[in-house]
C-alpha atoms as a PDB file:
ATOM      1  CA  UNK A   1    -134.696 -56.848 -47.478  1.00  0.00           C
ATOM      2  CA  UNK A   2    -132.411 -59.884 -47.312  1.00  0.00           C
ATOM      3  CA  UNK A   3    -131.671 -61.593 -43.199  1.00  0.00           C
ATOM      4  CA  UNK A   4    -129.046 -63.922 -42.107  1.00  0.00           C
ATOM      5  CA  UNK A   5    -130.648 -67.053 -40.874  1.00  0.00           C
ATOM      6  CA  UNK A   6    -128.447 -67.540 -38.441  1.00  0.00           C
ATOM      7  CA  UNK A   7    -128.726 -63.715 -36.880  1.00  0.00           C
ATOM      8  CA  UNK A   8    -132.472 -64.429 -37.105  1.00  0.00           C
ATOM      9  CA  UNK A   9    -131.992 -67.587 -34.900  1.00  0.00           C
ATOM     10  CA  UNK A  10    -132.566 -66.820 -31.325  1.00  0.00           C
ATOM     11  CA  UNK A  11    -135.050 -63.400 -31.712  1.00  0.00           C
ATOM     12  CA  UNK A  12    -138.617 -64.260 -30.208  1.00  0.00           C
ATOM     13  CA  UNK A  13    -142.024 -64.804 -31.450  1.00  0.00           C
ATOM     14  CA  UNK A  14    -144.691 -62.968 -29.873  1.00  0.00           C
ATOM     15  CA  UNK A  15    -148.515 -63.269 -29.695  1.00  0.00           C
ATOM     16  CA  UNK A  16    -150.163 -60.562 -29.067  1.00  0.00           C
ATOM     17  CA  UNK A  17    -150.859 -61.563 -25.200  1.00  0.00           C
ATOM     18  CA  UNK A  18    -147.142 -62.711 -24.660  1.00  0.00           C
ATOM     19  CA  UNK A  19    -144.427 -64.073 -25.804  1.00  0.00           C
ATOM     20  CA  UNK A  20    -144.583 -67.459 -27.799  1.00  0.00           C
ATOM     21  CA  UNK A  21    -141.054 -68.134 -27.875  1.00  0.00           C
ATOM     22  CA  UNK A  22    -137.309 -67.860 -29.566  1.00  0.00           C
ATOM     23  CA  UNK A  23    -135.975 -68.938 -32.913  1.00  0.00           C
ATOM     24  CA  UNK A  24    -134.514 -72.865 -32.992  1.00  0.00           C
ATOM     25  CA  UNK A  25    -134.177 -73.577 -36.672  1.00  0.00           C
ATOM     26  CA  UNK A  26    -135.839 -72.864 -39.623  1.00  0.00           C
ATOM     27  CA  UNK A  27    -137.378 -75.529 -42.001  1.00  0.00           C
ATOM     28  CA  UNK A  28    -137.392 -74.898 -45.676  1.00  0.00           C
ATOM     29  CA  UNK A  29    -138.359 -76.598 -48.970  1.00  0.00           C
ATOM     30  CA  UNK A  30    -134.324 -77.789 -50.554  1.00  0.00           C
ATOM     31  CA  UNK A  31    -136.070 -77.909 -54.235  1.00  0.00           C
ATOM     32  CA  UNK A  32    -137.981 -74.195 -54.460  1.00  0.00           C
ATOM     33  CA  UNK A  33    -135.672 -72.381 -51.712  1.00  0.00           C
ATOM     34  CA  UNK A  34    -138.904 -71.343 -49.852  1.00  0.00           C
ATOM     35  CA  UNK A  35    -139.198 -70.745 -45.943  1.00  0.00           C
ATOM     36  CA  UNK A  36    -141.709 -73.433 -44.943  1.00  0.00           C
ATOM     37  CA  UNK A  37    -141.872 -73.093 -41.187  1.00  0.00           C
ATOM     38  CA  UNK A  38    -140.229 -71.348 -38.067  1.00  0.00           C
ATOM     39  CA  UNK A  39    -139.158 -74.461 -35.402  1.00  0.00           C
ATOM     40  CA  UNK A  40    -139.952 -72.173 -32.016  1.00  0.00           C
ATOM     41  CA  UNK A  41    -138.688 -73.058 -28.544  1.00  0.00           C
ATOM     42  CA  UNK A  42    -141.261 -72.282 -26.486  1.00  0.00           C
ATOM     43  CA  UNK A  43    -139.256 -73.072 -23.148  1.00  0.00           C
ATOM     44  CA  UNK A  44    -140.707 -72.695 -19.319  1.00  0.00           C
ATOM     45  CA  UNK A  45    -145.154 -72.279 -20.147  1.00  0.00           C
ATOM     46  CA  UNK A  46    -145.535 -75.362 -22.919  1.00  0.00           C
ATOM     47  CA  UNK A  47    -143.044 -77.460 -21.009  1.00  0.00           C
ATOM     48  CA  UNK A  48    -139.874 -77.122 -23.199  1.00  0.00           C
ATOM     49  CA  UNK A  49    -142.096 -77.728 -26.449  1.00  0.00           C
ATOM     50  CA  UNK A  50    -141.385 -76.635 -30.383  1.00  0.00           C
ATOM     51  CA  UNK A  51    -143.948 -75.609 -32.250  1.00  0.00           C
ATOM     52  CA  UNK A  52    -143.672 -75.179 -36.147  1.00  0.00           C
ATOM     53  CA  UNK A  53    -144.708 -71.252 -37.240  1.00  0.00           C
ATOM     54  CA  UNK A  54    -145.480 -70.663 -40.885  1.00  0.00           C
ATOM     55  CA  UNK A  55    -143.960 -67.454 -42.168  1.00  0.00           C
ATOM     56  CA  UNK A  56    -147.186 -66.124 -43.523  1.00  0.00           C
ATOM     57  CA  UNK A  57    -147.950 -65.621 -39.848  1.00  0.00           C
ATOM     58  CA  UNK A  58    -145.247 -63.475 -39.057  1.00  0.00           C
ATOM     59  CA  UNK A  59    -145.663 -59.509 -39.512  1.00  0.00           C
ATOM     60  CA  UNK A  60    -142.298 -57.445 -40.511  1.00  0.00           C
ATOM     61  CA  UNK A  61    -139.139 -57.954 -37.445  1.00  0.00           C
ATOM     62  CA  UNK A  62    -138.583 -55.407 -35.630  1.00  0.00           C
ATOM     63  CA  UNK A  63    -134.826 -55.970 -36.261  1.00  0.00           C
ATOM     64  CA  UNK A  64    -133.793 -53.885 -33.120  1.00  0.00           C
ATOM     65  CA  UNK A  65    -136.087 -55.359 -30.741  1.00  0.00           C
ATOM     66  CA  UNK A  66    -134.895 -59.195 -32.388  1.00  0.00           C
ATOM     67  CA  UNK A  67    -138.349 -59.865 -32.820  1.00  0.00           C
ATOM     68  CA  UNK A  68    -141.017 -61.001 -35.087  1.00  0.00           C
ATOM     69  CA  UNK A  69    -144.908 -59.805 -34.345  1.00  0.00           C
ATOM     70  CA  UNK A  70    -148.080 -62.223 -34.698  1.00  0.00           C
ATOM     71  CA  UNK A  71    -151.266 -61.826 -34.108  1.00  0.00           C
ATOM     72  CA  UNK A  72    -151.345 -65.072 -32.779  1.00  0.00           C
ATOM     73  CA  UNK A  73    -152.605 -65.826 -29.201  1.00  0.00           C
ATOM     74  CA  UNK A  74    -150.797 -68.361 -27.340  1.00  0.00           C
ATOM     75  CA  UNK A  75    -153.851 -69.912 -26.553  1.00  0.00           C
ATOM     76  CA  UNK A  76    -153.588 -70.561 -30.352  1.00  0.00           C
ATOM     77  CA  UNK A  77    -150.009 -72.202 -29.932  1.00  0.00           C
ATOM     78  CA  UNK A  78    -151.132 -73.886 -26.566  1.00  0.00           C
ATOM     79  CA  UNK A  79    -153.962 -75.795 -29.069  1.00  0.00           C
ATOM     80  CA  UNK A  80    -151.712 -76.628 -31.673  1.00  0.00           C
ATOM     81  CA  UNK A  81    -151.410 -80.324 -33.862  1.00  0.00           C
ATOM     82  CA  UNK A  82    -148.146 -81.418 -30.983  1.00  0.00           C
ATOM     83  CA  UNK A  83    -145.597 -81.565 -33.556  1.00  0.00           C
ATOM     84  CA  UNK A  84    -142.498 -83.532 -33.105  1.00  0.00           C
ATOM     85  CA  UNK A  85    -140.260 -80.433 -34.537  1.00  0.00           C
ATOM     86  CA  UNK A  86    -136.989 -82.827 -34.210  1.00  0.00           C
ATOM     87  CA  UNK A  87    -138.334 -86.047 -36.025  1.00  0.00           C
ATOM     88  CA  UNK A  88    -139.345 -85.811 -40.190  1.00  0.00           C
ATOM     89  CA  UNK A  89    -142.680 -83.616 -40.186  1.00  0.00           C
ATOM     90  CA  UNK A  90    -145.614 -86.038 -42.822  1.00  0.00           C
ATOM     91  CA  UNK A  91    -147.933 -84.438 -44.633  1.00  0.00           C
ATOM     92  CA  UNK A  92    -150.618 -85.370 -41.584  1.00  0.00           C
ATOM     93  CA  UNK A  93    -149.191 -82.927 -39.606  1.00  0.00           C
ATOM     94  CA  UNK A  94    -148.828 -80.513 -41.462  1.00  0.00           C
ATOM     95  CA  UNK A  95    -152.438 -80.485 -42.626  1.00  0.00           C
ATOM     96  CA  UNK A  96    -153.247 -80.437 -39.427  1.00  0.00           C
ATOM     97  CA  UNK A  97    -151.559 -76.968 -38.723  1.00  0.00           C
ATOM     98  CA  UNK A  98    -152.457 -75.641 -41.468  1.00  0.00           C
ATOM     99  CA  UNK A  99    -156.338 -76.492 -40.642  1.00  0.00           C
ATOM    100  CA  UNK A 100    -155.456 -75.197 -37.198  1.00  0.00           C
ATOM    101  CA  UNK A 101    -154.132 -71.684 -38.181  1.00  0.00           C
ATOM    102  CA  UNK A 102    -156.370 -71.209 -41.402  1.00  0.00           C
ATOM    103  CA  UNK A 103    -153.043 -71.091 -43.118  1.00  0.00           C
ATOM    104  CA  UNK A 104    -153.609 -70.724 -47.219  1.00  0.00           C
ATOM    105  CA  UNK A 105    -153.301 -74.582 -48.037  1.00  0.00           C
ATOM    106  CA  UNK A 106    -150.907 -74.361 -51.673  1.00  0.00           C
ATOM    107  CA  UNK A 107    -152.858 -76.134 -54.903  1.00  0.00           C
ATOM    108  CA  UNK A 108    -153.878 -79.650 -55.415  1.00  0.00           C
ATOM    109  CA  UNK A 109    -150.116 -81.537 -54.596  1.00  0.00           C
ATOM    110  CA  UNK A 110    -148.946 -80.065 -52.052  1.00  0.00           C
ATOM    111  CA  UNK A 111    -148.815 -78.097 -48.573  1.00  0.00           C
ATOM    112  CA  UNK A 112    -148.122 -74.146 -47.616  1.00  0.00           C
ATOM    113  CA  UNK A 113    -148.501 -70.917 -49.147  1.00  0.00           C
ATOM    114  CA  UNK A 114    -147.345 -70.883 -53.142  1.00  0.00           C
ATOM    115  CA  UNK A 115    -144.504 -70.906 -54.025  1.00  0.00           C
ATOM    116  CA  UNK A 116    -143.195 -68.186 -57.259  1.00  0.00           C
ATOM    117  CA  UNK A 117    -139.763 -66.270 -56.465  1.00  0.00           C
ATOM    118  CA  UNK A 118    -136.167 -68.142 -56.653  1.00  0.00           C
ATOM    119  CA  UNK A 119    -136.580 -71.729 -57.465  1.00  0.00           C
ATOM    120  CA  UNK A 120    -133.564 -74.352 -56.833  1.00  0.00           C
ATOM    121  CA  UNK A 121    -133.568 -76.723 -59.688  1.00  0.00           C
ATOM    122  CA  UNK A 122    -135.521 -73.908 -62.253  1.00  0.00           C
ATOM    123  CA  UNK A 123    -133.139 -72.051 -64.977  1.00  0.00           C
ATOM    124  CA  UNK A 124    -132.847 -68.994 -62.984  1.00  0.00           C
ATOM    125  CA  UNK A 125    -132.265 -65.689 -65.191  1.00  0.00           C
ATOM    126  CA  UNK A 126    -128.768 -65.320 -66.071  1.00  0.00           C
ATOM    127  CA  UNK A 127    -128.542 -61.823 -64.056  1.00  0.00           C
ATOM    128  CA  UNK A 128    -125.451 -61.525 -62.988  1.00  0.00           C
ATOM    129  CA  UNK A 129    -125.126 -62.010 -58.366  1.00  0.00           C
ATOM    130  CA  UNK A 130    -124.139 -58.715 -57.911  1.00  0.00           C
ATOM    131  CA  UNK A 131    -127.316 -56.785 -60.144  1.00  0.00           C
ATOM    132  CA  UNK A 132    -129.213 -59.818 -58.323  1.00  0.00           C
ATOM    133  CA  UNK A 133    -128.237 -58.334 -54.937  1.00  0.00           C
ATOM    134  CA  UNK A 134    -128.005 -54.891 -55.554  1.00  0.00           C
ATOM    135  CA  UNK A 135    -131.546 -55.205 -56.432  1.00  0.00           C
ATOM    136  CA  UNK A 136    -132.211 -56.687 -53.182  1.00  0.00           C
ATOM    137  CA  UNK A 137    -130.492 -54.380 -50.727  1.00  0.00           C
ATOM    138  CA  UNK A 138    -131.531 -51.345 -52.750  1.00  0.00           C
ATOM    139  CA  UNK A 139    -135.147 -51.894 -51.321  1.00  0.00           C
ATOM    140  CA  UNK A 140    -137.395 -54.174 -49.860  1.00  0.00           C
ATOM    141  CA  UNK A 141    -139.577 -54.706 -52.950  1.00  0.00           C
ATOM    142  CA  UNK A 142    -140.236 -58.688 -53.713  1.00  0.00           C
ATOM    143  CA  UNK A 143    -138.254 -60.250 -56.276  1.00  0.00           C
ATOM    144  CA  UNK A 144    -139.600 -60.133 -59.130  1.00  0.00           C
ATOM    145  CA  UNK A 145    -138.098 -63.176 -61.275  1.00  0.00           C
ATOM    146  CA  UNK A 146    -141.163 -64.008 -63.587  1.00  0.00           C
ATOM    147  CA  UNK A 147    -139.999 -67.802 -62.402  1.00  0.00           C
ATOM    148  CA  UNK A 148    -143.013 -70.124 -63.233  1.00  0.00           C
ATOM    149  CA  UNK A 149    -144.971 -71.811 -59.794  1.00  0.00           C
ATOM    150  CA  UNK A 150    -143.250 -74.896 -58.318  1.00  0.00           C
ATOM    151  CA  UNK A 151    -145.474 -77.640 -56.557  1.00  0.00           C
ATOM    152  CA  UNK A 152    -144.033 -79.159 -53.465  1.00  0.00           C
ATOM    153  CA  UNK A 153    -144.376 -82.557 -53.622  1.00  0.00           C
ATOM    154  CA  UNK A 154    -145.469 -83.274 -50.159  1.00  0.00           C
ATOM    155  CA  UNK A 155    -142.682 -83.440 -47.092  1.00  0.00           C
ATOM    156  CA  UNK A 156    -139.442 -85.373 -48.734  1.00  0.00           C
ATOM    157  CA  UNK A 157    -137.688 -81.875 -49.578  1.00  0.00           C
ATOM    158  CA  UNK A 158    -138.589 -79.654 -45.848  1.00  0.00           C
ATOM    159  CA  UNK A 159    -134.906 -79.406 -44.510  1.00  0.00           C
ATOM    160  CA  UNK A 160    -133.935 -77.941 -41.232  1.00  0.00           C
ATOM    161  CA  UNK A 161    -130.417 -75.422 -41.616  1.00  0.00           C
ATOM    162  CA  UNK A 162    -129.126 -76.600 -38.786  1.00  0.00           C
ATOM    163  CA  UNK A 163    -129.084 -80.036 -39.776  1.00  0.00           C
ATOM    164  CA  UNK A 164    -127.808 -78.754 -43.104  1.00  0.00           C
ATOM    165  CA  UNK A 165    -125.090 -76.385 -41.357  1.00  0.00           C
ATOM    166  CA  UNK A 166    -122.118 -76.738 -41.844  1.00  0.00           C
ATOM    167  CA  UNK A 167    -122.412 -79.384 -45.299  1.00  0.00           C
ATOM    168  CA  UNK A 168    -119.459 -80.369 -47.060  1.00  0.00           C
ATOM    169  CA  UNK A 169    -119.118 -77.795 -50.920  1.00  0.00           C
ATOM    170  CA  UNK A 170    -117.882 -79.560 -53.578  1.00  0.00           C
ATOM    171  CA  UNK A 171    -117.481 -77.708 -56.988  1.00  0.00           C
ATOM    172  CA  UNK A 172    -117.125 -79.105 -59.868  1.00  0.00           C
ATOM    173  CA  UNK A 173    -113.165 -80.602 -59.418  1.00  0.00           C
ATOM    174  CA  UNK A 174    -113.123 -80.869 -55.256  1.00  0.00           C
ATOM    175  CA  UNK A 175    -113.761 -80.232 -52.554  1.00  0.00           C
ATOM    176  CA  UNK A 176    -113.648 -75.940 -51.227  1.00  0.00           C
ATOM    177  CA  UNK A 177    -115.838 -75.335 -48.205  1.00  0.00           C
ATOM    178  CA  UNK A 178    -118.512 -75.327 -45.741  1.00  0.00           C
ATOM    179  CA  UNK A 179    -122.716 -73.884 -45.520  1.00  0.00           C
ATOM    180  CA  UNK A 180    -121.745 -71.292 -43.228  1.00  0.00           C
ATOM    181  CA  UNK A 181    -125.198 -69.405 -43.625  1.00  0.00           C
ATOM    182  CA  UNK A 182    -128.212 -68.941 -45.888  1.00  0.00           C
ATOM    183  CA  UNK A 183    -130.036 -65.802 -46.809  1.00  0.00           C
ATOM    184  CA  UNK A 184    -133.627 -65.658 -46.638  1.00  0.00           C
ATOM    185  CA  UNK A 185    -135.850 -62.261 -48.416  1.00  0.00           C
ATOM    186  CA  UNK A 186    -138.164 -61.903 -45.957  1.00  0.00           C
ATOM    187  CA  UNK A 187    -141.102 -60.415 -48.416  1.00  0.00           C
ATOM    188  CA  UNK A 188    -141.283 -64.111 -50.024  1.00  0.00           C
ATOM    189  CA  UNK A 189    -139.416 -65.680 -47.526  1.00  0.00           C
ATOM    190  CA  UNK A 190    -137.214 -67.434 -50.015  1.00  0.00           C
ATOM    191  CA  UNK A 191    -133.726 -68.530 -49.876  1.00  0.00           C
ATOM    192  CA  UNK A 192    -131.888 -66.399 -52.660  1.00  0.00           C
ATOM    193  CA  UNK A 193    -128.473 -67.160 -51.688  1.00  0.00           C
ATOM    194  CA  UNK A 194    -125.983 -69.172 -49.773  1.00  0.00           C
ATOM    195  CA  UNK A 195    -123.030 -68.028 -47.708  1.00  0.00           C
ATOM    196  CA  UNK A 196    -119.676 -70.871 -48.579  1.00  0.00           C
ATOM    197  CA  UNK A 197    -116.848 -70.362 -45.746  1.00  0.00           C
ATOM    198  CA  UNK A 198    -113.685 -71.551 -47.335  1.00  0.00           C
ATOM    199  CA  UNK A 199    -111.496 -74.353 -45.738  1.00  0.00           C
ATOM    200  CA  UNK A 200    -108.219 -73.615 -43.925  1.00  0.00           C
ATOM    201  CA  UNK A 201    -106.486 -73.386 -47.827  1.00  0.00           C
ATOM    202  CA  UNK A 202    -107.988 -70.359 -48.349  1.00  0.00           C
ATOM    203  CA  UNK A 203    -108.000 -69.107 -45.374  1.00  0.00           C
ATOM    204  CA  UNK A 204    -111.860 -69.649 -44.411  1.00  0.00           C
ATOM    205  CA  UNK A 205    -112.809 -66.412 -46.690  1.00  0.00           C
ATOM    206  CA  UNK A 206    -116.746 -66.370 -46.698  1.00  0.00           C
ATOM    207  CA  UNK A 207    -118.207 -65.679 -50.595  1.00  0.00           C
ATOM    208  CA  UNK A 208    -121.768 -66.086 -51.667  1.00  0.00           C
ATOM    209  CA  UNK A 209    -122.847 -67.907 -53.983  1.00  0.00           C
ATOM    210  CA  UNK A 210    -127.425 -68.443 -55.592  1.00  0.00           C
ATOM    211  CA  UNK A 211    -129.158 -70.911 -54.593  1.00  0.00           C
ATOM    212  CA  UNK A 212    -130.015 -71.395 -58.033  1.00  0.00           C
ATOM    213  CA  UNK A 213    -125.889 -72.697 -58.697  1.00  0.00           C
ATOM    214  CA  UNK A 214    -126.373 -75.635 -55.937  1.00  0.00           C
ATOM    215  CA  UNK A 215    -126.734 -78.798 -58.911  1.00  0.00           C
ATOM    216  CA  UNK A 216    -127.987 -80.903 -55.589  1.00  0.00           C
ATOM    217  CA  UNK A 217    -127.693 -82.340 -52.050  1.00  0.00           C
ATOM    218  CA  UNK A 218    -126.762 -85.095 -51.259  1.00  0.00           C
ATOM    219  CA  UNK A 219    -128.492 -85.383 -47.364  1.00  0.00           C
ATOM    220  CA  UNK A 220    -127.126 -88.846 -46.514  1.00  0.00           C
ATOM    221  CA  UNK A 221    -123.195 -87.676 -46.611  1.00  0.00           C
ATOM    222  CA  UNK A 222    -123.668 -83.887 -46.115  1.00  0.00           C
ATOM    223  CA  UNK A 223    -122.674 -82.622 -49.051  1.00  0.00           C
ATOM    224  CA  UNK A 224    -123.662 -79.441 -51.162  1.00  0.00           C
ATOM    225  CA  UNK A 225    -122.713 -79.997 -54.656  1.00  0.00           C
ATOM    226  CA  UNK A 226    -121.895 -76.673 -57.188  1.00  0.00           C
ATOM    227  CA  UNK A 227    -121.397 -75.792 -60.684  1.00  0.00           C
ATOM    228  CA  UNK A 228    -118.428 -73.503 -59.467  1.00  0.00           C
ATOM    229  CA  UNK A 229    -114.957 -74.952 -60.626  1.00  0.00           C
ATOM    230  CA  UNK A 230    -112.933 -74.440 -56.612  1.00  0.00           C
ATOM    231  CA  UNK A 231    -110.744 -71.670 -58.546  1.00  0.00           C
ATOM    232  CA  UNK A 232    -113.767 -69.742 -59.584  1.00  0.00           C
ATOM    233  CA  UNK A 233    -114.596 -69.705 -55.821  1.00  0.00           C
ATOM    234  CA  UNK A 234    -111.668 -68.917 -55.220  1.00  0.00           C
ATOM    235  CA  UNK A 235    -110.879 -65.686 -56.469  1.00  0.00           C
ATOM    236  CA  UNK A 236    -114.621 -64.482 -55.014  1.00  0.00           C
ATOM    237  CA  UNK A 237    -114.935 -61.271 -53.835  1.00  0.00           C
ATOM    238  CA  UNK A 238    -115.221 -61.944 -49.850  1.00  0.00           C
ATOM    239  CA  UNK A 239    -118.675 -61.480 -48.544  1.00  0.00           C
ATOM    240  CA  UNK A 240    -119.218 -59.554 -45.229  1.00  0.00           C
ATOM    241  CA  UNK A 241    -122.757 -59.418 -43.174  1.00  0.00           C
ATOM    242  CA  UNK A 242    -122.151 -56.275 -42.817  1.00  0.00           C
ATOM    243  CA  UNK A 243    -122.790 -55.839 -47.050  1.00  0.00           C
ATOM    244  CA  UNK A 244    -126.688 -56.629 -45.878  1.00  0.00           C
ATOM    245  CA  UNK A 245    -126.400 -53.056 -43.768  1.00  0.00           C
ATOM    246  CA  UNK A 246    -125.098 -50.936 -46.897  1.00  0.00           C
ATOM    247  CA  UNK A 247    -126.394 -49.074 -50.059  1.00  0.00           C
ATOM    248  CA  UNK A 248    -123.759 -50.054 -52.434  1.00  0.00           C
ATOM    249  CA  UNK A 249    -122.791 -53.804 -51.205  1.00  0.00           C
ATOM    250  CA  UNK A 250    -123.775 -54.789 -54.002  1.00  0.00           C
ATOM    251  CA  UNK A 251    -120.903 -53.355 -56.002  1.00  0.00           C
ATOM    252  CA  UNK A 252    -118.374 -54.420 -53.156  1.00  0.00           C
ATOM    253  CA  UNK A 253    -118.965 -58.288 -54.635  1.00  0.00           C
END
């Protein structure tokens, strides 16, 4: 299913013997649009330490209870490599994490799990957004798009949702708005959609675009460039979060 990154922030991560902490941020790969890590704030039991947990460690979310169960123990988390989640994560640190938790390694050239699915920077099948969104909303199945595996080239593509939230959206003929949210598909842990909040000139309306429409991200100047005109974005149907909870939401876009 599709999940709002903003809505997942604050979810509890539960070990088999108690609470690990709460989701503070999400790290993703800006080349493959895969979720790489959940940044979990542990609170007082580890003296405010933040830990990184791969999505492969999480079981299905309890949306009512706002938590993710895991098969981890608190002792495992306590003894995990001490990584400063507020600073760039090195390849060596990732290797230590994966070795400690016995998470699956990617094939030679990168870390994490295999990156099959929606891939930013790779041309996706020309399927209308409405049809693709409806496909996600109508079932909990994984993404079926046949796209090539992409190897994550080290750490340089690891980005923070919290850090990218509010980035300026540039259409091909001018500024339009800002990044307001991302939608995560929680089976393959891809990020197939970006939620864009229009500027004041467009009544702060939110619209939805596939991440494959993002041509480039300039992290140095907090800018995201999309392959659309301002007029095209202006006339898109408004996206509302409650569309994620209704079966026919895809027909409303």
